[in-house]
Amino acid sequence: MGGGSIYILPYLSSYLYIPMKDAMHLDNMQIGLMGSAMGIASMIFYWPGGWVADRFSPRKLITLSLIANGLLGLWLATIPPFKVLAGRTNAAPREPETLSATDSSAKSAERNVYIARRRGSTVEN
């Protein structure tokens, strides 16, 4: 049961494609890039992973894998922006989704234009 749950997290984009796309504000290319990166990393670490599996007990490896998978799942639940998912450390903070009641209408309009442009939408003035 525990070992099977290790394999689910990398494939969440297959199961939850549209909800992840909407929640993380990703486009199809970004999700495709993440899937490609996962495939390349899997190919690179396949052989070293076999070597490690031959040298250590399955109980220790599964325990370590479940802990790492749980921590990465919790991190993914924070809905990090694509720049962080892509490993860029200079990621700009994400824009807020909702506006506070104290924002002026000019500030709100500016923010809405900014958000629309970041998402690739056109803005009507």
N, C-alpha and C. Protein backbone atom coordinates (compact mmCIF):
# COMPACT_ATOMS: atom_id res chain seq x y z
N MET A 1 0.83 -1.19 0.00
CA MET A 1 0.00 0.00 0.00
C MET A 1 0.87 1.26 0.00
N GLY A 2 1.84 1.33 0.89
CA GLY A 2 2.69 2.51 0.97
C GLY A 2 3.54 2.68 -0.26
N GLY A 3 4.09 1.57 -0.77
CA GLY A 3 4.94 1.65 -1.95
C GLY A 3 4.19 2.15 -3.17
N GLY A 4 2.92 1.80 -3.29
CA GLY A 4 2.13 2.24 -4.43
C GLY A 4 1.85 3.74 -4.40
N SER A 5 1.80 4.33 -3.21
CA SER A 5 1.51 5.76 -3.13
C SER A 5 2.70 6.61 -3.56
N ILE A 6 3.89 6.02 -3.60
CA ILE A 6 5.06 6.77 -4.04
C ILE A 6 4.93 7.16 -5.50
N TYR A 7 4.29 6.34 -6.29
CA TYR A 7 4.22 6.56 -7.72
C TYR A 7 3.12 7.51 -8.15
N ILE A 8 2.24 7.91 -7.26
CA ILE A 8 1.10 8.74 -7.63
C ILE A 8 1.48 10.21 -7.78
N LEU A 9 2.30 10.75 -6.88
CA LEU A 9 2.59 12.18 -6.86
C LEU A 9 3.14 12.72 -8.18
N PRO A 10 4.10 12.08 -8.83
CA PRO A 10 4.59 12.64 -10.09
C PRO A 10 3.54 12.68 -11.20
N TYR A 11 2.52 11.85 -11.10
CA TYR A 11 1.52 11.76 -12.15
C TYR A 11 0.24 12.50 -11.81
N LEU A 12 0.27 13.36 -10.79
CA LEU A 12 -0.93 14.12 -10.45
C LEU A 12 -1.38 15.00 -11.60
N SER A 13 -0.43 15.47 -12.41
CA SER A 13 -0.84 16.31 -13.53
C SER A 13 -1.69 15.53 -14.52
N SER A 14 -1.51 14.22 -14.59
CA SER A 14 -2.36 13.41 -15.47
C SER A 14 -3.77 13.28 -14.90
N TYR A 15 -3.86 13.08 -13.60
CA TYR A 15 -5.16 12.90 -12.95
C TYR A 15 -5.90 14.22 -12.78
N LEU A 16 -5.16 15.26 -12.43
CA LEU A 16 -5.76 16.55 -12.08
C LEU A 16 -5.29 17.66 -13.01
N TYR A 17 -5.23 17.38 -14.30
CA TYR A 17 -4.64 18.31 -15.26
C TYR A 17 -5.29 19.70 -15.20
N ILE A 18 -6.59 19.75 -15.36
CA ILE A 18 -7.27 21.05 -15.41
C ILE A 18 -7.26 21.75 -14.05
N PRO A 19 -7.56 21.06 -12.92
CA PRO A 19 -7.49 21.77 -11.64
C PRO A 19 -6.09 22.31 -11.32
N MET A 20 -5.03 21.52 -11.64
CA MET A 20 -3.68 22.02 -11.39
C MET A 20 -3.36 23.20 -12.30
N LYS A 21 -3.80 23.12 -13.53
CA LYS A 21 -3.57 24.19 -14.50
C LYS A 21 -4.22 25.48 -14.01
N ASP A 22 -5.44 25.39 -13.53
CA ASP A 22 -6.15 26.57 -13.04
C ASP A 22 -5.57 27.09 -11.73
N ALA A 23 -5.30 26.21 -10.79
CA ALA A 23 -4.82 26.64 -9.47
C ALA A 23 -3.42 27.24 -9.52
N MET A 24 -2.55 26.67 -10.35
CA MET A 24 -1.17 27.13 -10.42
C MET A 24 -0.95 28.14 -11.55
N HIS A 25 -2.00 28.47 -12.29
CA HIS A 25 -1.92 29.42 -13.40
C HIS A 25 -0.84 29.00 -14.40
N LEU A 26 -0.90 27.73 -14.80
CA LEU A 26 0.05 27.19 -15.75
C LEU A 26 -0.60 27.06 -17.11
N ASP A 27 0.21 27.10 -18.16
CA ASP A 27 -0.33 26.82 -19.48
C ASP A 27 0.11 25.42 -19.91
N ASN A 28 -0.36 24.98 -21.06
CA ASN A 28 -0.06 23.62 -21.52
C ASN A 28 1.44 23.40 -21.70
N MET A 29 2.15 24.42 -22.19
CA MET A 29 3.58 24.28 -22.39
C MET A 29 4.32 24.08 -21.06
N GLN A 30 3.94 24.82 -20.04
CA GLN A 30 4.60 24.69 -18.74
C GLN A 30 4.35 23.31 -18.14
N ILE A 31 3.14 22.80 -18.24
CA ILE A 31 2.86 21.46 -17.73
C ILE A 31 3.63 20.43 -18.54
N GLY A 32 3.71 20.63 -19.85
CA GLY A 32 4.50 19.73 -20.69
C GLY A 32 5.98 19.76 -20.34
N LEU A 33 6.51 20.95 -20.06
CA LEU A 33 7.91 21.06 -19.66
C LEU A 33 8.18 20.33 -18.34
N MET A 34 7.24 20.45 -17.40
CA MET A 34 7.42 19.74 -16.13
C MET A 34 7.36 18.23 -16.33
N GLY A 35 6.47 17.77 -17.19
CA GLY A 35 6.40 16.34 -17.49
C GLY A 35 7.66 15.85 -18.17
N SER A 36 8.19 16.65 -19.09
CA SER A 36 9.44 16.28 -19.76
C SER A 36 10.61 16.24 -18.78
N ALA A 37 10.65 17.22 -17.90
CA ALA A 37 11.72 17.25 -16.90
C ALA A 37 11.65 16.03 -15.98
N MET A 38 10.42 15.63 -15.63
CA MET A 38 10.28 14.44 -14.80
C MET A 38 10.75 13.20 -15.54
N GLY A 39 10.43 13.10 -16.83
CA GLY A 39 10.87 11.95 -17.62
C GLY A 39 12.38 11.89 -17.77
N ILE A 40 13.00 13.03 -18.02
CA ILE A 40 14.46 13.08 -18.16
C ILE A 40 15.13 12.74 -16.84
N ALA A 41 14.62 13.31 -15.74
CA ALA A 41 15.19 13.00 -14.43
C ALA A 41 15.03 11.52 -14.10
N SER A 42 13.90 10.95 -14.46
CA SER A 42 13.68 9.51 -14.22
C SER A 42 14.69 8.67 -14.99
N MET A 43 14.95 9.04 -16.24
CA MET A 43 15.93 8.30 -17.04
C MET A 43 17.34 8.43 -16.45
N ILE A 44 17.68 9.63 -16.01
CA ILE A 44 19.03 9.84 -15.45
C ILE A 44 19.22 9.06 -14.16
N PHE A 45 18.22 9.05 -13.30
CA PHE A 45 18.36 8.41 -11.99
C PHE A 45 17.96 6.94 -11.97
N TYR A 46 17.56 6.40 -13.11
CA TYR A 46 17.16 5.00 -13.16
C TYR A 46 18.32 4.07 -12.78
N TRP A 47 19.47 4.23 -13.41
CA TRP A 47 20.61 3.36 -13.12
C TRP A 47 21.18 3.58 -11.72
N PRO A 48 21.41 4.82 -11.28
CA PRO A 48 21.88 4.98 -9.89
C PRO A 48 20.87 4.44 -8.87
N GLY A 49 19.57 4.56 -9.20
CA GLY A 49 18.54 4.03 -8.30
C GLY A 49 18.63 2.52 -8.17
N GLY A 50 18.95 1.84 -9.26
CA GLY A 50 19.14 0.39 -9.20
C GLY A 50 20.33 0.01 -8.34
N TRP A 51 21.40 0.78 -8.46
CA TRP A 51 22.59 0.53 -7.65
C TRP A 51 22.27 0.71 -6.16
N VAL A 52 21.54 1.78 -5.83
CA VAL A 52 21.16 2.04 -4.44
C VAL A 52 20.24 0.93 -3.93
N ALA A 53 19.32 0.46 -4.77
CA ALA A 53 18.39 -0.60 -4.37
C ALA A 53 19.12 -1.91 -4.09
N ASP A 54 20.23 -2.14 -4.78
CA ASP A 54 21.02 -3.35 -4.53
C ASP A 54 21.83 -3.27 -3.25
N ARG A 55 22.09 -2.09 -2.75
CA ARG A 55 22.99 -1.91 -1.62
C ARG A 55 22.29 -1.71 -0.27
N PHE A 56 21.03 -1.28 -0.30
CA PHE A 56 20.32 -0.97 0.94
C PHE A 56 19.05 -1.80 1.04
N SER A 57 18.56 -1.95 2.26
CA SER A 57 17.38 -2.79 2.48
C SER A 57 16.12 -2.09 1.94
N PRO A 58 15.19 -2.88 1.41
CA PRO A 58 13.95 -2.30 0.89
C PRO A 58 13.16 -1.54 1.95
N ARG A 59 13.21 -2.01 3.19
CA ARG A 59 12.47 -1.33 4.26
C ARG A 59 12.96 0.10 4.45
N LYS A 60 14.28 0.29 4.46
CA LYS A 60 14.84 1.63 4.63
C LYS A 60 14.54 2.51 3.41
N LEU A 61 14.65 1.94 2.22
CA LEU A 61 14.41 2.72 1.01
C LEU A 61 12.95 3.14 0.89
N ILE A 62 12.03 2.24 1.20
CA ILE A 62 10.61 2.59 1.12
C ILE A 62 10.25 3.63 2.17
N THR A 63 10.82 3.48 3.38
CA THR A 63 10.57 4.47 4.42
C THR A 63 11.06 5.85 4.00
N LEU A 64 12.29 5.90 3.49
CA LEU A 64 12.85 7.17 3.04
C LEU A 64 12.03 7.74 1.87
N SER A 65 11.61 6.89 0.95
CA SER A 65 10.82 7.34 -0.19
C SER A 65 9.46 7.88 0.24
N LEU A 66 8.82 7.22 1.18
CA LEU A 66 7.52 7.70 1.66
C LEU A 66 7.64 9.05 2.37
N ILE A 67 8.69 9.21 3.17
CA ILE A 67 8.90 10.48 3.86
C ILE A 67 9.15 11.59 2.84
N ALA A 68 10.06 11.34 1.88
CA ALA A 68 10.36 12.35 0.86
C ALA A 68 9.13 12.66 0.02
N ASN A 69 8.36 11.65 -0.33
CA ASN A 69 7.14 11.84 -1.12
C ASN A 69 6.12 12.67 -0.35
N GLY A 70 5.98 12.40 0.93
CA GLY A 70 5.05 13.17 1.76
C GLY A 70 5.45 14.63 1.88
N LEU A 71 6.75 14.87 2.08
CA LEU A 71 7.23 16.25 2.19
C LEU A 71 7.07 17.00 0.87
N LEU A 72 7.38 16.34 -0.23
CA LEU A 72 7.21 16.99 -1.53
C LEU A 72 5.73 17.22 -1.86
N GLY A 73 4.87 16.30 -1.43
CA GLY A 73 3.43 16.49 -1.62
C GLY A 73 2.91 17.67 -0.82
N LEU A 74 3.39 17.82 0.41
CA LEU A 74 2.99 18.98 1.20
C LEU A 74 3.48 20.27 0.58
N TRP A 75 4.70 20.25 0.04
CA TRP A 75 5.24 21.44 -0.63
C TRP A 75 4.41 21.76 -1.87
N LEU A 76 4.04 20.75 -2.64
CA LEU A 76 3.24 20.96 -3.84
C LEU A 76 1.86 21.51 -3.48
N ALA A 77 1.35 21.17 -2.31
CA ALA A 77 0.04 21.65 -1.87
C ALA A 77 0.06 23.15 -1.58
N THR A 78 1.25 23.75 -1.43
CA THR A 78 1.32 25.20 -1.23
C THR A 78 1.15 25.95 -2.54
N ILE A 79 1.00 25.23 -3.64
CA ILE A 79 0.79 25.77 -4.99
C ILE A 79 1.89 26.77 -5.34
N PRO A 80 3.12 26.27 -5.46
CA PRO A 80 4.23 27.17 -5.82
C PRO A 80 4.10 27.63 -7.26
N PRO A 81 4.61 28.84 -7.57
CA PRO A 81 4.54 29.31 -8.95
C PRO A 81 5.48 28.50 -9.86
N PHE A 82 5.29 28.62 -11.16
CA PHE A 82 6.07 27.83 -12.12
C PHE A 82 7.57 28.09 -11.99
N LYS A 83 7.96 29.33 -11.71
CA LYS A 83 9.40 29.62 -11.60
C LYS A 83 10.03 28.82 -10.48
N VAL A 84 9.32 28.62 -9.41
CA VAL A 84 9.85 27.81 -8.30
C VAL A 84 9.85 26.34 -8.70
N LEU A 85 8.79 25.88 -9.35
CA LEU A 85 8.74 24.50 -9.81
C LEU A 85 9.86 24.21 -10.80
N ALA A 86 10.23 25.21 -11.61
CA ALA A 86 11.28 25.04 -12.59
C ALA A 86 12.67 25.15 -11.97
N GLY A 87 12.74 25.49 -10.70
CA GLY A 87 14.03 25.55 -10.01
C GLY A 87 14.73 26.89 -10.09
N ARG A 88 14.03 27.92 -10.47
CA ARG A 88 14.63 29.25 -10.51
C ARG A 88 14.51 29.89 -9.14
N THR A 89 15.62 30.32 -8.59
CA THR A 89 15.60 30.88 -7.24
C THR A 89 15.21 32.34 -7.22
N ASN A 90 15.24 33.02 -8.36
CA ASN A 90 14.90 34.43 -8.39
C ASN A 90 13.44 34.64 -8.78
N ALA A 91 12.59 33.74 -8.34
CA ALA A 91 11.17 33.81 -8.71
C ALA A 91 10.51 35.01 -8.05
N ALA A 92 9.74 35.73 -8.84
CA ALA A 92 9.00 36.87 -8.31
C ALA A 92 7.81 36.35 -7.52
N PRO A 93 7.39 37.08 -6.49
CA PRO A 93 6.22 36.63 -5.73
C PRO A 93 4.97 36.67 -6.61
N ARG A 94 4.03 35.75 -6.32
CA ARG A 94 2.80 35.68 -7.09
C ARG A 94 1.88 36.82 -6.71
N GLU A 95 1.08 37.26 -7.68
CA GLU A 95 0.14 38.33 -7.41
C GLU A 95 -1.02 37.78 -6.58
N PRO A 96 -1.59 38.60 -5.73
CA PRO A 96 -2.72 38.12 -4.92
C PRO A 96 -3.94 37.87 -5.79
N GLU A 97 -4.73 36.88 -5.41
CA GLU A 97 -5.92 36.52 -6.18
C GLU A 97 -7.10 37.42 -5.84
N THR A 98 -7.16 37.88 -4.61
CA THR A 98 -8.28 38.72 -4.21
C THR A 98 -7.75 40.07 -3.74
N LEU A 99 -8.59 41.04 -3.80
CA LEU A 99 -8.22 42.39 -3.40
C LEU A 99 -8.85 42.71 -2.05
N SER A 100 -8.14 43.47 -1.25
CA SER A 100 -8.70 43.84 0.05
C SER A 100 -9.68 44.99 -0.13
N ALA A 101 -10.52 45.19 0.85
CA ALA A 101 -11.55 46.23 0.77
C ALA A 101 -10.95 47.62 0.82
N THR A 102 -9.73 47.77 1.31
CA THR A 102 -9.12 49.10 1.43
C THR A 102 -8.43 49.55 0.16
N ASP A 103 -8.32 48.71 -0.87
CA ASP A 103 -7.68 49.10 -2.12
C ASP A 103 -8.53 50.14 -2.83
N SER A 104 -7.88 51.14 -3.39
CA SER A 104 -8.61 52.14 -4.18
C SER A 104 -8.98 51.52 -5.52
N SER A 105 -9.95 52.13 -6.20
CA SER A 105 -10.39 51.57 -7.48
C SER A 105 -9.29 51.67 -8.53
N ALA A 106 -8.46 52.71 -8.50
CA ALA A 106 -7.36 52.83 -9.46
C ALA A 106 -6.33 51.73 -9.24
N LYS A 107 -6.02 51.48 -7.98
CA LYS A 107 -5.07 50.42 -7.65
C LYS A 107 -5.63 49.06 -8.06
N SER A 108 -6.92 48.86 -7.87
CA SER A 108 -7.57 47.61 -8.25
C SER A 108 -7.52 47.42 -9.76
N ALA A 109 -7.80 48.48 -10.50
CA ALA A 109 -7.77 48.39 -11.96
C ALA A 109 -6.37 48.09 -12.46
N GLU A 110 -5.37 48.74 -11.85
CA GLU A 110 -3.97 48.47 -12.21
C GLU A 110 -3.61 47.02 -11.97
N ARG A 111 -4.01 46.52 -10.84
CA ARG A 111 -3.69 45.13 -10.49
C ARG A 111 -4.40 44.16 -11.43
N ASN A 112 -5.65 44.46 -11.78
CA ASN A 112 -6.38 43.59 -12.70
C ASN A 112 -5.72 43.57 -14.08
N VAL A 113 -5.23 44.70 -14.54
CA VAL A 113 -4.52 44.76 -15.82
C VAL A 113 -3.25 43.92 -15.74
N TYR A 114 -2.52 44.07 -14.63
CA TYR A 114 -1.28 43.31 -14.44
C TYR A 114 -1.56 41.80 -14.46
N ILE A 115 -2.57 41.38 -13.73
CA ILE A 115 -2.91 39.95 -13.65
C ILE A 115 -3.34 39.44 -15.02
N ALA A 116 -4.16 40.20 -15.73
CA ALA A 116 -4.63 39.77 -17.05
C ALA A 116 -3.47 39.64 -18.02
N ARG A 117 -2.54 40.58 -17.99
CA ARG A 117 -1.39 40.50 -18.90
C ARG A 117 -0.49 39.33 -18.56
N ARG A 118 -0.31 39.04 -17.29
CA ARG A 118 0.52 37.89 -16.90
C ARG A 118 -0.12 36.59 -17.36
N ARG A 119 -1.42 36.54 -17.39
CA ARG A 119 -2.12 35.33 -17.82
C ARG A 119 -2.29 35.27 -19.33
N GLY A 120 -1.85 36.32 -20.02
CA GLY A 120 -1.93 36.31 -21.48
C GLY A 120 -3.26 36.78 -22.03
N SER A 121 -4.09 37.40 -21.22
CA SER A 121 -5.38 37.88 -21.69
C SER A 121 -5.24 39.30 -22.23
N THR A 122 -6.20 39.71 -23.02
CA THR A 122 -6.24 41.10 -23.46
C THR A 122 -7.08 41.88 -22.48
N VAL A 123 -6.78 43.17 -22.37
CA VAL A 123 -7.45 44.01 -21.39
C VAL A 123 -8.20 45.11 -22.11
N GLU A 124 -9.46 45.29 -21.77
CA GLU A 124 -10.28 46.36 -22.32
C GLU A 124 -10.18 47.54 -21.39
N ASN A 125 -9.90 48.75 -21.92
CA ASN A 125 -9.83 49.95 -21.07
C ASN A 125 -11.11 50.73 -21.14
